[in-house]
PDB file of N, CA and C in Angstrom:
ATOM      1  N   MET A   1     257.222  56.718 106.242  1.00  0.00           N
ATOM      2  CA  MET A   1     256.572  55.879 107.260  1.00  0.00           C
ATOM      3  C   MET A   1     255.590  56.415 108.537  1.00  0.00           C
ATOM      4  N   ARG A   2     256.181  57.344 108.857  1.00  0.00           N
ATOM      5  CA  ARG A   2     254.904  58.063 110.399  1.00  0.00           C
ATOM      6  C   ARG A   2     253.898  59.028 109.742  1.00  0.00           C
ATOM      7  N   GLU A   3     254.086  59.146 108.401  1.00  0.00           N
ATOM      8  CA  GLU A   3     252.600  59.852 108.277  1.00  0.00           C
ATOM      9  C   GLU A   3     251.217  58.941 107.837  1.00  0.00           C
ATOM     10  N   LEU A   4     251.758  57.753 107.435  1.00  0.00           N
ATOM     11  CA  LEU A   4     251.144  55.841 107.459  1.00  0.00           C
ATOM     12  C   LEU A   4     250.670  56.390 109.084  1.00  0.00           C
ATOM     13  N   GLU A   5     251.372  55.914 110.350  1.00  0.00           N
ATOM     14  CA  GLU A   5     251.271  56.067 111.229  1.00  0.00           C
ATOM     15  C   GLU A   5     250.144  56.784 111.992  1.00  0.00           C
ATOM     16  N   ASN A   6     250.602  58.103 111.501  1.00  0.00           N
ATOM     17  CA  ASN A   6     249.577  58.920 111.934  1.00  0.00           C
ATOM     18  C   ASN A   6     247.985  59.220 111.131  1.00  0.00           C
ATOM     19  N   LEU A   7     247.827  58.680 109.758  1.00  0.00           N
ATOM     20  CA  LEU A   7     246.921  58.130 109.374  1.00  0.00           C
ATOM     21  C   LEU A   7     246.200  57.062 110.122  1.00  0.00           C
ATOM     22  N   VAL A   8     246.423  56.244 109.893  1.00  0.00           N
ATOM     23  CA  VAL A   8     245.700  55.213 110.435  1.00  0.00           C
ATOM     24  C   VAL A   8     245.250  55.657 112.281  1.00  0.00           C
ATOM     25  N   GLU A   9     246.090  56.187 112.903  1.00  0.00           N
ATOM     26  CA  GLU A   9     245.574  56.661 114.701  1.00  0.00           C
ATOM     27  C   GLU A   9     244.863  57.306 113.849  1.00  0.00           C
ATOM     28  N   ARG A  10     244.574  59.042 113.138  1.00  0.00           N
ATOM     29  CA  ARG A  10     243.558  59.352 112.974  1.00  0.00           C
ATOM     30  C   ARG A  10     242.573  58.781 112.676  1.00  0.00           C
ATOM     31  N   GLY A  11     242.281  56.648 111.746  1.00  0.00           N
ATOM     32  CA  GLY A  11     241.170  56.869 111.435  1.00  0.00           C
ATOM     33  C   GLY A  11     240.237  55.790 113.043  1.00  0.00           C
ATOM     34  N   VAL A  12     241.492  55.521 113.600  1.00  0.00           N
ATOM     35  CA  VAL A  12     241.066  54.455 115.006  1.00  0.00           C
ATOM     36  C   VAL A  12     240.026  55.498 116.063  1.00  0.00           C
ATOM     37  N   ILE A  13     241.005  56.654 115.769  1.00  0.00           N
ATOM     38  CA  ILE A  13     240.301  57.732 117.062  1.00  0.00           C
ATOM     39  C   ILE A  13     238.861  58.337 116.157  1.00  0.00           C
ATOM     40  N   LEU A  14     238.698  58.152 115.293  1.00  0.00           N
ATOM     41  CA  LEU A  14     237.276  59.002 114.768  1.00  0.00           C
ATOM     42  C   LEU A  14     236.408  58.253 114.248  1.00  0.00           C
ATOM     43  N   ALA A  15     236.947  56.645 114.258  1.00  0.00           N
ATOM     44  CA  ALA A  15     236.067  55.489 113.980  1.00  0.00           C
ATOM     45  C   ALA A  15     235.195  54.999 115.297  1.00  0.00           C
ATOM     46  N   ALA A  16     233.947  54.683 115.024  1.00  0.00           N
ATOM     47  CA  ALA A  16     233.359  54.019 116.448  1.00  0.00           C
ATOM     48  C   ALA A  16     233.514  52.901 116.989  1.00  0.00           C
ATOM     49  N   GLN A  17     233.983  52.936 117.956  1.00  0.00           N
ATOM     50  CA  GLN A  17     234.471  52.199 118.832  1.00  0.00           C
ATOM     51  C   GLN A  17     234.277  50.504 118.581  1.00  0.00           C
ATOM     52  N   GLY A  18     235.086  49.519 117.959  1.00  0.00           N
ATOM     53  CA  GLY A  18     234.989  48.716 117.162  1.00  0.00           C
ATOM     54  C   GLY A  18     234.175  48.919 115.950  1.00  0.00           C
ATOM     55  N   GLY A  19     233.760  49.347 115.179  1.00  0.00           N
ATOM     56  CA  GLY A  19     233.383  49.803 114.160  1.00  0.00           C
ATOM     57  C   GLY A  19     234.378  49.704 112.877  1.00  0.00           C
ATOM     58  N   VAL A  20     234.027  49.893 111.884  1.00  0.00           N
ATOM     59  CA  VAL A  20     235.176  50.046 110.588  1.00  0.00           C
ATOM     60  C   VAL A  20     235.850  51.330 110.291  1.00  0.00           C
ATOM     61  N   ILE A  21     236.887  51.358 110.099  1.00  0.00           N
ATOM     62  CA  ILE A  21     237.737  52.464 109.895  1.00  0.00           C
ATOM     63  C   ILE A  21     236.824  53.053 108.187  1.00  0.00           C
ATOM     64  N   GLU A  22     236.330  54.211 107.800  1.00  0.00           N
ATOM     65  CA  GLU A  22     235.843  54.307 106.816  1.00  0.00           C
ATOM     66  C   GLU A  22     237.425  55.092 106.170  1.00  0.00           C
ATOM     67  N   ALA A  23     236.790  55.715 104.993  1.00  0.00           N
ATOM     68  CA  ALA A  23     237.671  56.508 104.153  1.00  0.00           C
ATOM     69  C   ALA A  23     237.768  58.163 104.686  1.00  0.00           C
ATOM     70  N   GLU A  24     236.382  58.060 105.266  1.00  0.00           N
ATOM     71  CA  GLU A  24     235.686  59.564 105.853  1.00  0.00           C
ATOM     72  C   GLU A  24     236.689  60.126 107.025  1.00  0.00           C
ATOM     73  N   HIS A  25     237.090  58.621 107.832  1.00  0.00           N
ATOM     74  CA  HIS A  25     237.527  58.932 109.111  1.00  0.00           C
ATOM     75  C   HIS A  25     239.377  59.256 108.804  1.00  0.00           C
ATOM     76  N   LEU A  26     239.762  58.524 107.411  1.00  0.00           N
ATOM     77  CA  LEU A  26     241.456  58.710 107.127  1.00  0.00           C
ATOM     78  C   LEU A  26     241.292  59.915 106.944  1.00  0.00           C
ATOM     79  N   PHE A  27     240.433  60.640 105.956  1.00  0.00           N
ATOM     80  CA  PHE A  27     240.102  61.829 105.292  1.00  0.00           C
ATOM     81  C   PHE A  27     239.611  62.790 106.059  1.00  0.00           C
ATOM     82  N   PRO A  28     239.295  63.251 107.296  1.00  0.00           N
ATOM     83  CA  PRO A  28     238.261  64.051 107.703  1.00  0.00           C
ATOM     84  C   PRO A  28     237.966  65.304 106.843  1.00  0.00           C
ATOM     85  N   ASN A  29     238.796  66.013 106.152  1.00  0.00           N
ATOM     86  CA  ASN A  29     238.614  66.838 105.841  1.00  0.00           C
ATOM     87  C   ASN A  29     238.295  67.469 103.524  1.00  0.00           C
ATOM     88  N   GLN A  30     238.413  66.040 103.499  1.00  0.00           N
ATOM     89  CA  GLN A  30     237.800  65.691 102.678  1.00  0.00           C
ATOM     90  C   GLN A  30     236.527  66.652 102.101  1.00  0.00           C
ATOM     91  N   SER A  31     236.698  67.033 100.977  1.00  0.00           N
ATOM     92  CA  SER A  31     235.049  67.979 100.369  1.00  0.00           C
ATOM     93  C   SER A  31     233.710  67.088  99.993  1.00  0.00           C
ATOM     94  N   GLU A  32     234.332  66.184  99.251  1.00  0.00           N
ATOM     95  CA  GLU A  32     233.220  64.997  99.225  1.00  0.00           C
ATOM     96  C   GLU A  32     233.034  63.736  99.789  1.00  0.00           C
ATOM     97  N   PRO A  33     232.479  63.488  99.977  1.00  0.00           N
ATOM     98  CA  PRO A  33     232.417  61.743 101.038  1.00  0.00           C
ATOM     99  C   PRO A  33     232.851  61.072  99.643  1.00  0.00           C
ATOM    100  N   ALA A  34     233.528  59.493 100.418  1.00  0.00           N
ATOM    101  CA  ALA A  34     233.906  58.746  99.332  1.00  0.00           C
ATOM    102  C   ALA A  34     232.842  58.155  98.589  1.00  0.00           C
ATOM    103  N   GLN A  35     232.737  58.081  97.349  1.00  0.00           N
ATOM    104  CA  GLN A  35     231.881  57.437  97.260  1.00  0.00           C
ATOM    105  C   GLN A  35     232.491  55.924  96.716  1.00  0.00           C
ATOM    106  N   ASP A  36     233.360  55.426  97.097  1.00  0.00           N
ATOM    107  CA  ASP A  36     233.974  53.878  96.547  1.00  0.00           C
ATOM    108  C   ASP A  36     233.894  53.032  98.259  1.00  0.00           C
ATOM    109  N   GLY A  37     233.529  52.263  98.627  1.00  0.00           N
ATOM    110  CA  GLY A  37     233.650  51.197  99.929  1.00  0.00           C
ATOM    111  C   GLY A  37     233.880  49.630  98.890  1.00  0.00           C
ATOM    112  N   ILE A  38     233.406  48.899 100.337  1.00  0.00           N
ATOM    113  CA  ILE A  38     233.664  47.361  99.503  1.00  0.00           C
ATOM    114  C   ILE A  38     232.414  46.667  99.785  1.00  0.00           C
ATOM    115  N   ASP A  39     232.445  45.664  98.835  1.00  0.00           N
ATOM    116  CA  ASP A  39     230.766  45.309  98.344  1.00  0.00           C
ATOM    117  C   ASP A  39     230.972  44.042  99.284  1.00  0.00           C
ATOM    118  N   PRO A  40     230.016  42.930  99.040  1.00  0.00           N
ATOM    119  CA  PRO A  40     229.764  42.224 100.420  1.00  0.00           C
ATOM    120  C   PRO A  40     230.915  41.258  99.515  1.00  0.00           C
ATOM    121  N   GLN A  41     231.467  40.484  98.619  1.00  0.00           N
ATOM    122  CA  GLN A  41     232.398  39.919  98.562  1.00  0.00           C
ATOM    123  C   GLN A  41     233.863  40.609  98.684  1.00  0.00           C
ATOM    124  N   GLY A  42     233.879  41.539  99.115  1.00  0.00           N
ATOM    125  CA  GLY A  42     235.172  42.221  99.864  1.00  0.00           C
ATOM    126  C   GLY A  42     236.243  42.889  98.490  1.00  0.00           C
ATOM    127  N   ARG A  43     235.162  43.015  97.502  1.00  0.00           N
ATOM    128  CA  ARG A  43     236.403  44.144  96.140  1.00  0.00           C
ATOM    129  C   ARG A  43     235.964  45.439  96.421  1.00  0.00           C
ATOM    130  N   LEU A  44     236.434  45.989  96.041  1.00  0.00           N
ATOM    131  CA  LEU A  44     235.702  47.816  95.825  1.00  0.00           C
ATOM    132  C   LEU A  44     235.309  47.871  94.728  1.00  0.00           C
ATOM    133  N   ALA A  45     234.171  48.703  95.413  1.00  0.00           N
ATOM    134  CA  ALA A  45     232.701  48.748  94.459  1.00  0.00           C
ATOM    135  C   ALA A  45     232.534  50.674  94.884  1.00  0.00           C
ATOM    136  N   ARG A  46     231.650  50.653  93.988  1.00  0.00           N
ATOM    137  CA  ARG A  46     231.100  52.292  93.529  1.00  0.00           C
ATOM    138  C   ARG A  46     229.972  52.625  94.567  1.00  0.00           C
ATOM    139  N   ARG A  47     229.845  53.127  95.264  1.00  0.00           N
ATOM    140  CA  ARG A  47     228.411  53.662  96.570  1.00  0.00           C
ATOM    141  C   ARG A  47     227.830  55.060  96.051  1.00  0.00           C
ATOM    142  N   ALA A  48     226.650  54.533  95.449  1.00  0.00           N
ATOM    143  CA  ALA A  48     225.803  55.877  95.199  1.00  0.00           C
ATOM    144  C   ALA A  48     225.360  56.323  96.264  1.00  0.00           C
ATOM    145  N   PRO A  49     225.822  57.884  95.991  1.00  0.00           N
ATOM    146  CA  PRO A  49     225.413  59.213  97.365  1.00  0.00           C
ATOM    147  C   PRO A  49     223.945  58.870  97.007  1.00  0.00           C
ATOM    148  N   GLU A  50     223.521  59.181  99.188  1.00  0.00           N
ATOM    149  CA  GLU A  50     222.490  59.418  99.599  1.00  0.00           C
ATOM    150  C   GLU A  50     221.155  59.558  98.247  1.00  0.00           C
ATOM    151  N   ASP A  51     221.747  61.363  97.827  1.00  0.00           N
ATOM    152  CA  ASP A  51     221.158  61.759  96.885  1.00  0.00           C
ATOM    153  C   ASP A  51     220.734  61.093  95.853  1.00  0.00           C
ATOM    154  N   GLU A  52     221.501  60.708  95.137  1.00  0.00           N
ATOM    155  CA  GLU A  52     221.361  60.399  94.021  1.00  0.00           C
ATOM    156  C   GLU A  52     220.311  58.510  93.646  1.00  0.00           C
ATOM    157  N   LEU A  53     220.355  58.304  95.177  1.00  0.00           N
ATOM    158  CA  LEU A  53     219.792  57.106  95.235  1.00  0.00           C
ATOM    159  C   LEU A  53     217.977  57.795  95.581  1.00  0.00           C
ATOM    160  N   ARG A  54     217.888  58.394  95.871  1.00  0.00           N
ATOM    161  CA  ARG A  54     216.563  59.536  96.382  1.00  0.00           C
ATOM    162  C   ARG A  54     215.982  59.849  95.080  1.00  0.00           C
ATOM    163  N   LEU A  55     217.018  60.401  94.339  1.00  0.00           N
ATOM    164  CA  LEU A  55     216.394  60.923  92.941  1.00  0.00           C
ATOM    165  C   LEU A  55     216.327  59.090  92.059  1.00  0.00           C
ATOM    166  N   CYS A  56     217.346  58.527  91.604  1.00  0.00           N
ATOM    167  CA  CYS A  56     216.602  57.149  91.656  1.00  0.00           C
ATOM    168  C   CYS A  56     214.724  56.815  91.803  1.00  0.00           C
ATOM    169  N   ALA A  57     214.884  56.986  92.890  1.00  0.00           N
ATOM    170  CA  ALA A  57     213.747  56.278  93.524  1.00  0.00           C
ATOM    171  C   ALA A  57     212.408  57.145  92.944  1.00  0.00           C
ATOM    172  N   GLN A  58     212.923  58.160  92.864  1.00  0.00           N
ATOM    173  CA  GLN A  58     211.513  59.213  92.411  1.00  0.00           C
ATOM    174  C   GLN A  58     211.746  58.981  91.351  1.00  0.00           C
ATOM    175  N   VAL A  59     212.167  59.118  90.572  1.00  0.00           N
ATOM    176  CA  VAL A  59     212.399  58.490  88.874  1.00  0.00           C
ATOM    177  C   VAL A  59     211.293  57.584  88.682  1.00  0.00           C
ATOM    178  N   LEU A  60     211.618  56.036  89.382  1.00  0.00           N
ATOM    179  CA  LEU A  60     211.377  55.080  89.651  1.00  0.00           C
ATOM    180  C   LEU A  60     209.676  55.074  89.693  1.00  0.00           C
ATOM    181  N   ASP A  61     209.130  55.890  90.932  1.00  0.00           N
ATOM    182  CA  ASP A  61     208.199  56.150  91.570  1.00  0.00           C
ATOM    183  C   ASP A  61     207.464  56.744  90.489  1.00  0.00           C
ATOM    184  N   ALA A  62     207.734  58.230  89.634  1.00  0.00           N
ATOM    185  CA  ALA A  62     206.672  58.549  88.970  1.00  0.00           C
ATOM    186  C   ALA A  62     206.251  57.992  87.684  1.00  0.00           C
ATOM    187  N   GLY A  63     207.080  56.464  87.177  1.00  0.00           N
ATOM    188  CA  GLY A  63     206.784  55.840  86.023  1.00  0.00           C
ATOM    189  C   GLY A  63     207.382  56.561  85.023  1.00  0.00           C
ATOM    190  N   VAL A  64     208.143  57.857  84.845  1.00  0.00           N
ATOM    191  CA  VAL A  64     208.717  58.338  84.014  1.00  0.00           C
ATOM    192  C   VAL A  64     209.298  57.220  82.817  1.00  0.00           C
ATOM    193  N   PRO A  65     209.113  56.809  81.305  1.00  0.00           N
ATOM    194  CA  PRO A  65     209.604  56.018  81.022  1.00  0.00           C
ATOM    195  C   PRO A  65     211.000  56.575  80.487  1.00  0.00           C
ATOM    196  N   ILE A  66     212.197  55.491  80.970  1.00  0.00           N
ATOM    197  CA  ILE A  66     214.043  56.332  80.702  1.00  0.00           C
ATOM    198  C   ILE A  66     213.825  56.683  79.336  1.00  0.00           C
ATOM    199  N   GLU A  67     213.396  56.515  78.611  1.00  0.00           N
ATOM    200  CA  GLU A  67     213.500  57.338  76.947  1.00  0.00           C
ATOM    201  C   GLU A  67     213.039  58.816  77.066  1.00  0.00           C
ATOM    202  N   THR A  68     211.788  58.635  77.820  1.00  0.00           N
ATOM    203  CA  THR A  68     211.596  60.080  78.056  1.00  0.00           C
ATOM    204  C   THR A  68     212.174  61.047  78.756  1.00  0.00           C
ATOM    205  N   LEU A  69     212.864  60.594  80.071  1.00  0.00           N
ATOM    206  CA  LEU A  69     213.326  61.216  81.168  1.00  0.00           C
ATOM    207  C   LEU A  69     215.270  61.382  80.365  1.00  0.00           C
ATOM    208  N   GLU A  70     215.370  60.461  79.648  1.00  0.00           N
ATOM    209  CA  GLU A  70     216.851  60.989  78.835  1.00  0.00           C
ATOM    210  C   GLU A  70     216.599  62.367  78.174  1.00  0.00           C
ATOM    211  N   ALA A  71     215.003  62.189  77.306  1.00  0.00           N
ATOM    212  CA  ALA A  71     214.676  63.476  76.390  1.00  0.00           C
ATOM    213  C   ALA A  71     214.763  64.600  76.972  1.00  0.00           C
ATOM    214  N   GLN A  72     214.476  64.329  78.338  1.00  0.00           N
ATOM    215  CA  GLN A  72     214.533  65.741  79.186  1.00  0.00           C
ATOM    216  C   GLN A  72     215.149  65.828  79.630  1.00  0.00           C
ATOM    217  N   VAL A  73     216.295  65.419  79.544  1.00  0.00           N
ATOM    218  CA  VAL A  73     217.466  65.809  80.687  1.00  0.00           C
ATOM    219  C   VAL A  73     218.588  65.871  79.523  1.00  0.00           C
ATOM    220  N   LEU A  74     218.421  65.521  78.006  1.00  0.00           N
ATOM    221  CA  LEU A  74     218.934  66.473  77.259  1.00  0.00           C
ATOM    222  C   LEU A  74     218.373  67.626  76.732  1.00  0.00           C
ATOM    223  N   ALA A  75     217.435  67.732  76.789  1.00  0.00           N
ATOM    224  CA  ALA A  75     216.935  69.402  76.221  1.00  0.00           C
ATOM    225  C   ALA A  75     217.262  70.211  77.309  1.00  0.00           C
ATOM    226  N   LEU A  76     217.099  70.155  78.837  1.00  0.00           N
ATOM    227  CA  LEU A  76     217.535  70.894  79.746  1.00  0.00           C
ATOM    228  C   LEU A  76     219.034  71.051  79.529  1.00  0.00           C
ATOM    229  N   ALA A  77     220.051  69.970  79.517  1.00  0.00           N
ATOM    230  CA  ALA A  77     220.838  70.724  79.095  1.00  0.00           C
ATOM    231  C   ALA A  77     221.619  71.254  78.380  1.00  0.00           C
ATOM    232  N   VAL A  78     221.193  70.868  76.540  1.00  0.00           N
ATOM    233  CA  VAL A  78     220.915  72.279  76.029  1.00  0.00           C
ATOM    234  C   VAL A  78     219.987  73.739  75.941  1.00  0.00           C
ATOM    235  N   GLU A  79     219.681  73.738  77.102  1.00  0.00           N
ATOM    236  CA  GLU A  79     219.048  74.753  77.303  1.00  0.00           C
ATOM    237  C   GLU A  79     220.171  75.715  77.941  1.00  0.00           C
ATOM    238  N   ARG A  80     220.669  74.776  79.567  1.00  0.00           N
ATOM    239  CA  ARG A  80     221.318  75.231  80.405  1.00  0.00           C
ATOM    240  C   ARG A  80     222.748  75.860  79.562  1.00  0.00           C
ATOM    241  N   SER A  81     223.011  74.885  78.559  1.00  0.00           N
ATOM    242  CA  SER A  81     224.036  75.489  78.121  1.00  0.00           C
ATOM    243  C   SER A  81     223.935  76.855  76.505  1.00  0.00           C
ATOM    244  N   ARG A  82     223.151  77.203  76.573  1.00  0.00           N
ATOM    245  CA  ARG A  82     222.102  77.959  75.579  1.00  0.00           C
ATOM    246  C   ARG A  82     222.787  77.535  74.376  1.00  0.00           C
ATOM    247  N   GLY A  83     222.555  76.297  74.166  1.00  0.00           N
ATOM    248  CA  GLY A  83     222.614  75.409  72.974  1.00  0.00           C
ATOM    249  C   GLY A  83     223.691  75.411  72.347  1.00  0.00           C
ATOM    250  N   ASN A  84     224.450  75.305  72.810  1.00  0.00           N
ATOM    251  CA  ASN A  84     225.843  74.958  72.820  1.00  0.00           C
ATOM    252  C   ASN A  84     226.251  73.867  73.088  1.00  0.00           C
ATOM    253  N   LEU A  85     226.547  72.810  72.174  1.00  0.00           N
ATOM    254  CA  LEU A  85     226.472  71.533  72.587  1.00  0.00           C
ATOM    255  C   LEU A  85     227.723  70.912  73.390  1.00  0.00           C
ATOM    256  N   ALA A  86     228.893  71.579  73.195  1.00  0.00           N
ATOM    257  CA  ALA A  86     229.931  71.281  73.692  1.00  0.00           C
ATOM    258  C   ALA A  86     229.626  71.182  75.160  1.00  0.00           C
ATOM    259  N   GLY A  87     228.959  72.433  75.632  1.00  0.00           N
ATOM    260  CA  GLY A  87     229.029  72.497  77.097  1.00  0.00           C
ATOM    261  C   GLY A  87     227.811  72.134  77.529  1.00  0.00           C
ATOM    262  N   ALA A  88     227.186  71.274  77.094  1.00  0.00           N
ATOM    263  CA  ALA A  88     225.686  70.946  77.296  1.00  0.00           C
ATOM    264  C   ALA A  88     226.253  68.903  77.368  1.00  0.00           C
ATOM    265  N   ALA A  89     227.103  68.654  76.702  1.00  0.00           N
ATOM    266  CA  ALA A  89     227.796  67.431  76.915  1.00  0.00           C
ATOM    267  C   ALA A  89     228.618  67.298  78.242  1.00  0.00           C
ATOM    268  N   ARG A  90     229.509  68.471  78.263  1.00  0.00           N
ATOM    269  CA  ARG A  90     230.192  68.800  79.597  1.00  0.00           C
ATOM    270  C   ARG A  90     229.301  68.664  80.989  1.00  0.00           C
ATOM    271  N   LEU A  91     228.122  68.965  80.934  1.00  0.00           N
ATOM    272  CA  LEU A  91     226.871  69.531  81.863  1.00  0.00           C
ATOM    273  C   LEU A  91     226.861  67.654  82.161  1.00  0.00           C
ATOM    274  N   LEU A  92     226.974  66.868  81.042  1.00  0.00           N
ATOM    275  CA  LEU A  92     226.602  65.673  81.193  1.00  0.00           C
ATOM    276  C   LEU A  92     227.421  64.835  81.216  1.00  0.00           C
ATOM    277  N   GLY A  93     228.220  64.682  80.971  1.00  0.00           N
ATOM    278  CA  GLY A  93     229.237  63.795  81.829  1.00  0.00           C
ATOM    279  C   GLY A  93     229.995  63.304  80.332  1.00  0.00           C
ATOM    280  N   LEU A  94     229.352  63.472  79.172  1.00  0.00           N
ATOM    281  CA  LEU A  94     229.773  63.326  77.943  1.00  0.00           C
ATOM    282  C   LEU A  94     230.635  63.868  77.070  1.00  0.00           C
ATOM    283  N   SER A  95     231.217  62.720  75.799  1.00  0.00           N
ATOM    284  CA  SER A  95     231.778  63.793  75.121  1.00  0.00           C
ATOM    285  C   SER A  95     230.324  64.651  73.681  1.00  0.00           C
ATOM    286  N   ARG A  96     231.188  65.368  72.848  1.00  0.00           N
ATOM    287  CA  ARG A  96     230.401  66.217  72.210  1.00  0.00           C
ATOM    288  C   ARG A  96     229.911  65.468  71.311  1.00  0.00           C
ATOM    289  N   ALA A  97     230.455  64.107  71.257  1.00  0.00           N
ATOM    290  CA  ALA A  97     230.172  63.284  69.997  1.00  0.00           C
ATOM    291  C   ALA A  97     228.876  62.313  70.665  1.00  0.00           C
ATOM    292  N   GLN A  98     229.106  62.011  72.149  1.00  0.00           N
ATOM    293  CA  GLN A  98     228.357  61.011  72.647  1.00  0.00           C
ATOM    294  C   GLN A  98     227.047  61.718  72.342  1.00  0.00           C
ATOM    295  N   LEU A  99     227.102  63.217  73.348  1.00  0.00           N
ATOM    296  CA  LEU A  99     225.917  63.776  72.556  1.00  0.00           C
ATOM    297  C   LEU A  99     225.095  64.012  71.748  1.00  0.00           C
ATOM    298  N   ALA A 100     225.790  64.331  70.568  1.00  0.00           N
ATOM    299  CA  ALA A 100     225.276  64.418  69.353  1.00  0.00           C
ATOM    300  C   ALA A 100     224.787  63.018  68.771  1.00  0.00           C
ATOM    301  N   TYR A 101     225.053  62.186  69.207  1.00  0.00           N
ATOM    302  CA  TYR A 101     224.256  60.607  68.792  1.00  0.00           C
ATOM    303  C   TYR A 101     223.183  60.143  69.422  1.00  0.00           C
ATOM    304  N   ARG A 102     223.162  60.380  70.708  1.00  0.00           N
ATOM    305  CA  ARG A 102     221.591  60.573  71.633  1.00  0.00           C
ATOM    306  C   ARG A 102     220.856  61.608  70.872  1.00  0.00           C
ATOM    307  N   LEU A 103     220.989  62.767  70.744  1.00  0.00           N
ATOM    308  CA  LEU A 103     220.612  63.557  70.482  1.00  0.00           C
ATOM    309  C   LEU A 103     219.596  63.044  68.870  1.00  0.00           C
ATOM    310  N   LYS A 104     220.488  62.577  68.229  1.00  0.00           N
ATOM    311  CA  LYS A 104     220.121  61.781  66.476  1.00  0.00           C
ATOM    312  C   LYS A 104     219.544  60.671  66.691  1.00  0.00           C
ATOM    313  N   ARG A 105     219.530  60.094  67.523  1.00  0.00           N
ATOM    314  CA  ARG A 105     218.431  59.149  68.144  1.00  0.00           C
ATOM    315  C   ARG A 105     217.581  58.851  68.576  1.00  0.00           C
ATOM    316  N   GLN A 106     217.573  60.180  69.488  1.00  0.00           N
ATOM    317  CA  GLN A 106     216.174  61.029  69.881  1.00  0.00           C
ATOM    318  C   GLN A 106     215.491  61.479  68.929  1.00  0.00           C
ATOM    319  N   HIS A 107     215.842  62.179  68.059  1.00  0.00           N
ATOM    320  CA  HIS A 107     215.095  62.625  67.140  1.00  0.00           C
ATOM    321  C   HIS A 107     214.406  61.513  66.179  1.00  0.00           C
ATOM    322  N   GLN A 108     215.499  60.500  65.417  1.00  0.00           N
ATOM    323  CA  GLN A 108     215.087  59.458  64.817  1.00  0.00           C
ATOM    324  C   GLN A 108     213.972  58.460  65.610  1.00  0.00           C
ATOM    325  N   GLN A 109     214.250  58.774  67.269  1.00  0.00           N
ATOM    326  CA  GLN A 109     212.529  57.771  67.751  1.00  0.00           C
ATOM    327  C   GLN A 109     211.536  58.422  67.424  1.00  0.00           C
ATOM    328  N   GLU A 110     211.678  60.057  67.506  1.00  0.00           N
ATOM    329  CA  GLU A 110     210.521  60.974  67.608  1.00  0.00           C
ATOM    330  C   GLU A 110     209.937  60.825  66.308  1.00  0.00           C
ATOM    331  N   ALA A 111     211.028  60.730  65.252  1.00  0.00           N
ATOM    332  CA  ALA A 111     210.160  60.624  63.640  1.00  0.00           C
ATOM    333  C   ALA A 111     209.433  59.149  63.470  1.00  0.00           C
ATOM    334  N   ASP A 112     209.869  58.278  63.949  1.00  0.00           N
ATOM    335  CA  ASP A 112     209.130  57.030  63.871  1.00  0.00           C
ATOM    336  C   ASP A 112     208.121  57.301  64.532  1.00  0.00           C
TER     337      ASP A 112
END
């Protein structure tokens, strides 16, 4: 119980006066910023980090079709993993089967 009290105290001290206590106030030594927050309806929701939002804005501004973008990302992952599909899948956060499916679908689209 004392640990919980200390955690809440730390949050109160680190948060702005009258502000909201966020996860980074409760866990200041956390290596990555929290990616979850509360949405306007009061539910837990994922918040995209600023870097991801900037990247998405750049992609939209560039006008690159999503199929082209996916093909380029898949090719780069395969290149970086030196042709190792399991390694490329790990880079992309996919299973090897998911990556193989996407590559097969891409090649079918190119053939059409």
